[in-house]
Every structure is written in C-alpha cells, then in structure tokens.
PDB file of all heavy atoms in Angstrom:
ATOM      1  N   VAL A   1     119.706 104.818-167.802  1.00  0.00           N
ATOM      2  CA  VAL A   1     120.724 104.028-168.568  1.00  0.00           C
ATOM      3  C   VAL A   1     121.791 104.962-169.102  1.00  0.00           C
ATOM      4  O   VAL A   1     123.000 104.645-169.037  1.00  0.00           O
ATOM      5  CB  VAL A   1     120.041 103.275-169.738  1.00  0.00           C
ATOM      6  CG1 VAL A   1     121.103 102.651-170.688  1.00  0.00           C
ATOM      7  CG2 VAL A   1     119.134 102.167-169.191  1.00  0.00           C
ATOM      8  N   ASP A   2     121.359 106.148-169.594  1.00  0.00           N
ATOM      9  CA  ASP A   2     122.344 107.111-170.096  1.00  0.00           C
ATOM     10  C   ASP A   2     123.289 107.565-168.902  1.00  0.00           C
ATOM     11  O   ASP A   2     124.476 107.705-169.084  1.00  0.00           O
ATOM     12  CB  ASP A   2     121.644 108.310-170.691  1.00  0.00           C
ATOM     13  CG  ASP A   2     120.933 107.949-171.982  1.00  0.00           C
ATOM     14  OD1 ASP A   2     121.280 106.899-172.623  1.00  0.00           O
ATOM     15  OD2 ASP A   2     120.013 108.698-172.393  1.00  0.00           O
ATOM     16  N   LEU A   3     122.642 107.804-167.782  1.00  0.00           N
ATOM     17  CA  LEU A   3     123.394 108.222-166.618  1.00  0.00           C
ATOM     18  C   LEU A   3     124.375 107.159-166.161  1.00  0.00           C
ATOM     19  O   LEU A   3     125.537 107.433-165.836  1.00  0.00           O
ATOM     20  CB  LEU A   3     122.444 108.602-165.429  1.00  0.00           C
ATOM     21  CG  LEU A   3     123.079 109.139-164.167  1.00  0.00           C
ATOM     22  CD1 LEU A   3     123.930 110.411-164.407  1.00  0.00           C
ATOM     23  CD2 LEU A   3     122.039 109.417-163.092  1.00  0.00           C
ATOM     24  N   VAL A   4     123.902 105.945-166.105  1.00  0.00           N
ATOM     25  CA  VAL A   4     124.769 104.803-165.710  1.00  0.00           C
ATOM     26  C   VAL A   4     125.911 104.653-166.680  1.00  0.00           C
ATOM     27  O   VAL A   4     127.059 104.358-166.304  1.00  0.00           O
ATOM     28  CB  VAL A   4     123.942 103.518-165.634  1.00  0.00           C
ATOM     29  CG1 VAL A   4     124.870 102.287-165.514  1.00  0.00           C
ATOM     30  CG2 VAL A   4     122.962 103.558-164.462  1.00  0.00           C
ATOM     31  N   GLN A   5     125.581 104.908-168.000  1.00  0.00           N
ATOM     32  CA  GLN A   5     126.616 104.779-168.997  1.00  0.00           C
ATOM     33  C   GLN A   5     127.670 105.888-168.768  1.00  0.00           C
ATOM     34  O   GLN A   5     128.875 105.652-168.894  1.00  0.00           O
ATOM     35  CB  GLN A   5     126.012 104.977-170.361  1.00  0.00           C
ATOM     36  CG  GLN A   5     126.948 104.800-171.525  1.00  0.00           C
ATOM     37  CD  GLN A   5     127.426 103.342-171.655  1.00  0.00           C
ATOM     38  OE1 GLN A   5     126.680 102.441-171.367  1.00  0.00           O
ATOM     39  NE2 GLN A   5     128.692 103.145-172.031  1.00  0.00           N
ATOM     40  N   HIS A   6     127.215 107.073-168.358  1.00  0.00           N
ATOM     41  CA  HIS A   6     128.116 108.172-168.035  1.00  0.00           C
ATOM     42  C   HIS A   6     128.985 107.855-166.827  1.00  0.00           C
ATOM     43  O   HIS A   6     130.211 108.065-166.828  1.00  0.00           O
ATOM     44  CB  HIS A   6     127.330 109.490-167.828  1.00  0.00           C
ATOM     45  CG  HIS A   6     128.190 110.629-167.535  1.00  0.00           C
ATOM     46  ND1 HIS A   6     129.066 111.239-168.421  1.00  0.00           N
ATOM     47  CD2 HIS A   6     128.294 111.353-166.363  1.00  0.00           C
ATOM     48  CE1 HIS A   6     129.702 112.235-167.859  1.00  0.00           C
ATOM     49  NE2 HIS A   6     129.270 112.348-166.601  1.00  0.00           N
ATOM     50  N   ILE A   7     128.288 107.331-165.801  1.00  0.00           N
ATOM     51  CA  ILE A   7     129.040 106.967-164.581  1.00  0.00           C
ATOM     52  C   ILE A   7     130.084 105.918-164.893  1.00  0.00           C
ATOM     53  O   ILE A   7     131.205 105.941-164.393  1.00  0.00           O
ATOM     54  CB  ILE A   7     128.074 106.424-163.520  1.00  0.00           C
ATOM     55  CG1 ILE A   7     127.195 107.605-163.019  1.00  0.00           C
ATOM     56  CG2 ILE A   7     128.799 105.810-162.333  1.00  0.00           C
ATOM     57  CD1 ILE A   7     126.053 107.184-162.092  1.00  0.00           C
ATOM     58  N   SER A   8     129.694 104.965-165.724  1.00  0.00           N
ATOM     59  CA  SER A   8     130.625 103.907-166.100  1.00  0.00           C
ATOM     60  C   SER A   8     131.854 104.497-166.786  1.00  0.00           C
ATOM     61  O   SER A   8     132.954 104.069-166.546  1.00  0.00           O
ATOM     62  CB  SER A   8     129.922 102.898-167.021  1.00  0.00           C
ATOM     63  OG  SER A   8     130.813 101.894-167.438  1.00  0.00           O
ATOM     64  N   SER A   9     131.589 105.514-167.603  1.00  0.00           N
ATOM     65  CA  SER A   9     132.736 106.168-168.308  1.00  0.00           C
ATOM     66  C   SER A   9     133.626 106.884-167.285  1.00  0.00           C
ATOM     67  O   SER A   9     134.849 106.856-167.388  1.00  0.00           O
ATOM     68  CB  SER A   9     132.187 107.191-169.353  1.00  0.00           C
ATOM     69  OG  SER A   9     131.416 106.519-170.337  1.00  0.00           O
ATOM     70  N   VAL A  10     132.955 107.567-166.337  1.00  0.00           N
ATOM     71  CA  VAL A  10     133.716 108.285-165.315  1.00  0.00           C
ATOM     72  C   VAL A  10     134.587 107.297-164.541  1.00  0.00           C
ATOM     73  O   VAL A  10     135.774 107.532-164.223  1.00  0.00           O
ATOM     74  CB  VAL A  10     132.778 109.080-164.415  1.00  0.00           C
ATOM     75  CG1 VAL A  10     133.559 109.668-163.229  1.00  0.00           C
ATOM     76  CG2 VAL A  10     132.119 110.227-165.200  1.00  0.00           C
ATOM     77  N   ILE A  11     133.960 106.198-164.119  1.00  0.00           N
ATOM     78  CA  ILE A  11     134.659 105.166-163.288  1.00  0.00           C
ATOM     79  C   ILE A  11     135.826 104.617-164.130  1.00  0.00           C
ATOM     80  O   ILE A  11     136.919 104.395-163.576  1.00  0.00           O
ATOM     81  CB  ILE A  11     133.692 104.094-162.869  1.00  0.00           C
ATOM     82  CG1 ILE A  11     132.724 104.618-161.807  1.00  0.00           C
ATOM     83  CG2 ILE A  11     134.471 102.861-162.295  1.00  0.00           C
ATOM     84  CD1 ILE A  11     131.626 103.650-161.430  1.00  0.00           C
ATOM     85  N   SER A  12     135.605 104.411-165.374  1.00  0.00           N
ATOM     86  CA  SER A  12     136.710 103.910-166.231  1.00  0.00           C
ATOM     87  C   SER A  12     137.871 104.947-166.251  1.00  0.00           C
ATOM     88  O   SER A  12     139.062 104.569-166.181  1.00  0.00           O
ATOM     89  CB  SER A  12     136.199 103.676-167.655  1.00  0.00           C
ATOM     90  OG  SER A  12     135.255 102.680-167.659  1.00  0.00           O
ATOM     91  N   GLY A  13     137.483 106.246-166.316  1.00  0.00           N
ATOM     92  CA  GLY A  13     138.535 107.275-166.293  1.00  0.00           C
ATOM     93  C   GLY A  13     139.269 107.288-164.990  1.00  0.00           C
ATOM     94  O   GLY A  13     140.557 107.396-164.926  1.00  0.00           O
ATOM     95  N   ILE A  14     138.516 107.171-163.863  1.00  0.00           N
ATOM     96  CA  ILE A  14     139.132 107.115-162.537  1.00  0.00           C
ATOM     97  C   ILE A  14     140.090 105.942-162.426  1.00  0.00           C
ATOM     98  O   ILE A  14     141.201 105.999-161.870  1.00  0.00           O
ATOM     99  CB  ILE A  14     138.083 107.089-161.438  1.00  0.00           C
ATOM    100  CG1 ILE A  14     137.292 108.428-161.451  1.00  0.00           C
ATOM    101  CG2 ILE A  14     138.725 106.834-160.081  1.00  0.00           C
ATOM    102  CD1 ILE A  14     136.102 108.419-160.516  1.00  0.00           C
ATOM    103  N   GLY A  15     139.627 104.774-162.943  1.00  0.00           N
ATOM    104  CA  GLY A  15     140.463 103.593-162.909  1.00  0.00           C
ATOM    105  C   GLY A  15     141.762 103.781-163.678  1.00  0.00           C
ATOM    106  O   GLY A  15     142.839 103.327-163.230  1.00  0.00           O
ATOM    107  N   SER A  16     141.628 104.439-164.844  1.00  0.00           N
ATOM    108  CA  SER A  16     142.814 104.669-165.654  1.00  0.00           C
ATOM    109  C   SER A  16     143.795 105.611-164.929  1.00  0.00           C
ATOM    110  O   SER A  16     145.023 105.333-164.915  1.00  0.00           O
ATOM    111  CB  SER A  16     142.364 105.268-167.015  1.00  0.00           C
ATOM    112  OG  SER A  16     143.512 105.560-167.785  1.00  0.00           O
ATOM    113  N   ILE A  17     143.210 106.666-164.331  1.00  0.00           N
ATOM    114  CA  ILE A  17     144.071 107.613-163.578  1.00  0.00           C
ATOM    115  C   ILE A  17     144.730 106.899-162.370  1.00  0.00           C
ATOM    116  O   ILE A  17     145.917 107.111-162.071  1.00  0.00           O
ATOM    117  CB  ILE A  17     143.230 108.771-163.090  1.00  0.00           C
ATOM    118  CG1 ILE A  17     142.792 109.647-164.279  1.00  0.00           C
ATOM    119  CG2 ILE A  17     144.032 109.677-162.155  1.00  0.00           C
ATOM    120  CD1 ILE A  17     141.799 110.753-163.993  1.00  0.00           C
ATOM    121  N   SER A  18     143.949 106.053-161.706  1.00  0.00           N
ATOM    122  CA  SER A  18     144.454 105.288-160.549  1.00  0.00           C
ATOM    123  C   SER A  18     145.604 104.412-160.968  1.00  0.00           C
ATOM    124  O   SER A  18     146.629 104.284-160.250  1.00  0.00           O
ATOM    125  CB  SER A  18     143.339 104.496-159.936  1.00  0.00           C
ATOM    126  OG  SER A  18     143.793 103.703-158.857  1.00  0.00           O
ATOM    127  N   MET A  19     145.514 103.752-162.112  1.00  0.00           N
ATOM    128  CA  MET A  19     146.579 102.878-162.572  1.00  0.00           C
ATOM    129  C   MET A  19     147.817 103.718-162.897  1.00  0.00           C
ATOM    130  O   MET A  19     148.948 103.314-162.556  1.00  0.00           O
ATOM    131  CB  MET A  19     146.120 102.116-163.850  1.00  0.00           C
ATOM    132  CG  MET A  19     145.099 101.019-163.571  1.00  0.00           C
ATOM    133  SD  MET A  19     144.630 100.108-165.083  1.00  0.00           S
ATOM    134  CE  MET A  19     146.195  99.375-165.529  1.00  0.00           C
ATOM    135  N   GLN A  20     147.590 104.816-163.520  1.00  0.00           N
ATOM    136  CA  GLN A  20     148.750 105.726-163.828  1.00  0.00           C
ATOM    137  C   GLN A  20     149.397 106.230-162.558  1.00  0.00           C
ATOM    138  O   GLN A  20     150.614 106.351-162.393  1.00  0.00           O
ATOM    139  CB  GLN A  20     148.312 106.867-164.706  1.00  0.00           C
ATOM    140  CG  GLN A  20     147.936 106.486-166.114  1.00  0.00           C
ATOM    141  CD  GLN A  20     147.392 107.637-166.930  1.00  0.00           C
ATOM    142  OE1 GLN A  20     147.360 108.767-166.447  1.00  0.00           O
ATOM    143  NE2 GLN A  20     146.972 107.329-168.202  1.00  0.00           N
ATOM    144  N   THR A  21     148.530 106.604-161.579  1.00  0.00           N
ATOM    145  CA  THR A  21     149.051 107.086-160.281  1.00  0.00           C
ATOM    146  C   THR A  21     149.857 105.958-159.592  1.00  0.00           C
ATOM    147  O   THR A  21     150.908 106.259-158.944  1.00  0.00           O
ATOM    148  CB  THR A  21     147.883 107.496-159.380  1.00  0.00           C
ATOM    149  OG1 THR A  21     147.132 108.532-160.058  1.00  0.00           O
ATOM    150  CG2 THR A  21     148.354 108.031-158.054  1.00  0.00           C
ATOM    151  N   ASN A  22     149.366 104.750-159.690  1.00  0.00           N
ATOM    152  CA  ASN A  22     150.064 103.623-159.080  1.00  0.00           C
ATOM    153  C   ASN A  22     151.445 103.433-159.696  1.00  0.00           C
ATOM    154  O   ASN A  22     152.437 103.171-159.017  1.00  0.00           O
ATOM    155  CB  ASN A  22     149.186 102.355-159.232  1.00  0.00           C
ATOM    156  CG  ASN A  22     149.753 101.192-158.427  1.00  0.00           C
ATOM    157  OD1 ASN A  22     150.433 101.394-157.372  1.00  0.00           O
ATOM    158  ND2 ASN A  22     149.510  99.991-158.845  1.00  0.00           N
ATOM    159  N   LEU A  23     151.499 103.592-161.022  1.00  0.00           N
ATOM    160  CA  LEU A  23     152.808 103.451-161.707  1.00  0.00           C
ATOM    161  C   LEU A  23     153.735 104.589-161.292  1.00  0.00           C
ATOM    162  O   LEU A  23     154.936 104.388-161.060  1.00  0.00           O
ATOM    163  CB  LEU A  23     152.589 103.486-163.257  1.00  0.00           C
ATOM    164  CG  LEU A  23     151.926 102.224-163.876  1.00  0.00           C
ATOM    165  CD1 LEU A  23     151.669 102.444-165.350  1.00  0.00           C
ATOM    166  CD2 LEU A  23     152.842 100.991-163.678  1.00  0.00           C
ATOM    167  N   LEU A  24     153.164 105.790-161.197  1.00  0.00           N
ATOM    168  CA  LEU A  24     153.988 106.923-160.789  1.00  0.00           C
ATOM    169  C   LEU A  24     154.491 106.741-159.326  1.00  0.00           C
ATOM    170  O   LEU A  24     155.671 107.014-159.017  1.00  0.00           O
ATOM    171  CB  LEU A  24     153.140 108.221-160.877  1.00  0.00           C
ATOM    172  CG  LEU A  24     152.870 108.718-162.318  1.00  0.00           C
ATOM    173  CD1 LEU A  24     151.950 109.926-162.232  1.00  0.00           C
ATOM    174  CD2 LEU A  24     154.156 109.128-162.991  1.00  0.00           C
ATOM    175  N   ALA A  25     153.593 106.219-158.486  1.00  0.00           N
ATOM    176  CA  ALA A  25     153.991 105.949-157.094  1.00  0.00           C
ATOM    177  C   ALA A  25     155.087 104.894-157.038  1.00  0.00           C
ATOM    178  O   ALA A  25     156.029 104.954-156.214  1.00  0.00           O
ATOM    179  CB  ALA A  25     152.776 105.539-156.268  1.00  0.00           C
ATOM    180  N   LEU A  26     154.934 103.906-157.859  1.00  0.00           N
ATOM    181  CA  LEU A  26     155.952 102.812-157.892  1.00  0.00           C
ATOM    182  C   LEU A  26     157.303 103.389-158.385  1.00  0.00           C
ATOM    183  O   LEU A  26     158.391 103.088-157.783  1.00  0.00           O
ATOM    184  CB  LEU A  26     155.509 101.722-158.846  1.00  0.00           C
ATOM    185  CG  LEU A  26     156.412 100.505-158.971  1.00  0.00           C
ATOM    186  CD1 LEU A  26     156.613  99.817-157.592  1.00  0.00           C
ATOM    187  CD2 LEU A  26     155.822  99.505-159.971  1.00  0.00           C
ATOM    188  N   ASN A  27     157.264 104.183-159.399  1.00  0.00           N
ATOM    189  CA  ASN A  27     158.495 104.802-159.908  1.00  0.00           C
ATOM    190  C   ASN A  27     159.124 105.749-158.847  1.00  0.00           C
ATOM    191  O   ASN A  27     160.344 105.806-158.648  1.00  0.00           O
ATOM    192  CB  ASN A  27     158.235 105.630-161.190  1.00  0.00           C
ATOM    193  CG  ASN A  27     157.865 104.696-162.374  1.00  0.00           C
ATOM    194  OD1 ASN A  27     158.368 103.563-162.426  1.00  0.00           O
ATOM    195  ND2 ASN A  27     157.118 105.214-163.312  1.00  0.00           N
ATOM    196  N   ALA A  28     158.176 106.470-158.116  1.00  0.00           N
ATOM    197  CA  ALA A  28     158.671 107.387-157.057  1.00  0.00           C
ATOM    198  C   ALA A  28     159.340 106.591-155.956  1.00  0.00           C
ATOM    199  O   ALA A  28     160.366 107.042-155.399  1.00  0.00           O
ATOM    200  CB  ALA A  28     157.506 108.186-156.520  1.00  0.00           C
ATOM    201  N   SER A  29     158.798 105.432-155.649  1.00  0.00           N
ATOM    202  CA  SER A  29     159.367 104.589-154.565  1.00  0.00           C
ATOM    203  C   SER A  29     160.771 104.120-155.012  1.00  0.00           C
ATOM    204  O   SER A  29     161.718 104.055-154.196  1.00  0.00           O
ATOM    205  CB  SER A  29     158.483 103.361-154.289  1.00  0.00           C
ATOM    206  OG  SER A  29     157.239 103.796-153.762  1.00  0.00           O
ATOM    207  N   VAL A  30     160.868 103.752-156.301  1.00  0.00           N
ATOM    208  CA  VAL A  30     162.195 103.279-156.797  1.00  0.00           C
ATOM    209  C   VAL A  30     163.174 104.412-156.724  1.00  0.00           C
ATOM    210  O   VAL A  30     164.383 104.267-156.238  1.00  0.00           O
ATOM    211  CB  VAL A  30     162.057 102.754-158.222  1.00  0.00           C
ATOM    212  CG1 VAL A  30     163.430 102.460-158.797  1.00  0.00           C
ATOM    213  CG2 VAL A  30     161.166 101.539-158.275  1.00  0.00           C
ATOM    214  N   GLU A  31     162.786 105.608-157.137  1.00  0.00           N
ATOM    215  CA  GLU A  31     163.687 106.732-157.103  1.00  0.00           C
ATOM    216  C   GLU A  31     164.030 107.139-155.669  1.00  0.00           C
ATOM    217  O   GLU A  31     165.161 107.517-155.379  1.00  0.00           O
ATOM    218  CB  GLU A  31     163.030 107.934-157.855  1.00  0.00           C
ATOM    219  CG  GLU A  31     162.882 107.754-159.317  1.00  0.00           C
ATOM    220  CD  GLU A  31     164.256 107.588-160.024  1.00  0.00           C
ATOM    221  OE1 GLU A  31     165.258 108.156-159.598  1.00  0.00           O
ATOM    222  OE2 GLU A  31     164.264 106.825-161.059  1.00  0.00           O
ATOM    223  N   ALA A  32     163.135 107.037-154.790  1.00  0.00           N
ATOM    224  CA  ALA A  32     163.357 107.362-153.360  1.00  0.00           C
ATOM    225  C   ALA A  32     164.373 106.373-152.767  1.00  0.00           C
ATOM    226  O   ALA A  32     165.195 106.739-151.938  1.00  0.00           O
ATOM    227  CB  ALA A  32     162.035 107.302-152.555  1.00  0.00           C
TER     228      ALA A  32
END
C-alpha cells in the first residue's frame, strides 16, 4: 500500500509535468 501510494505520487508528478510540457509545446507551436 505504501509502495502504491508512492507510485501514485510519482504518476501524479508525471501527469503534472506532462500537462506543463503540453502547454509549453502549445506555446512553442504558436511561436513557430
């Protein structure tokens, strides 16, 4: 359960980074 909780935290972090990356990619497309 502790491990799953840790994985869940990691996945949440990855999701957050992915969303930020998506916004950066969108901004990059606009600038391009």
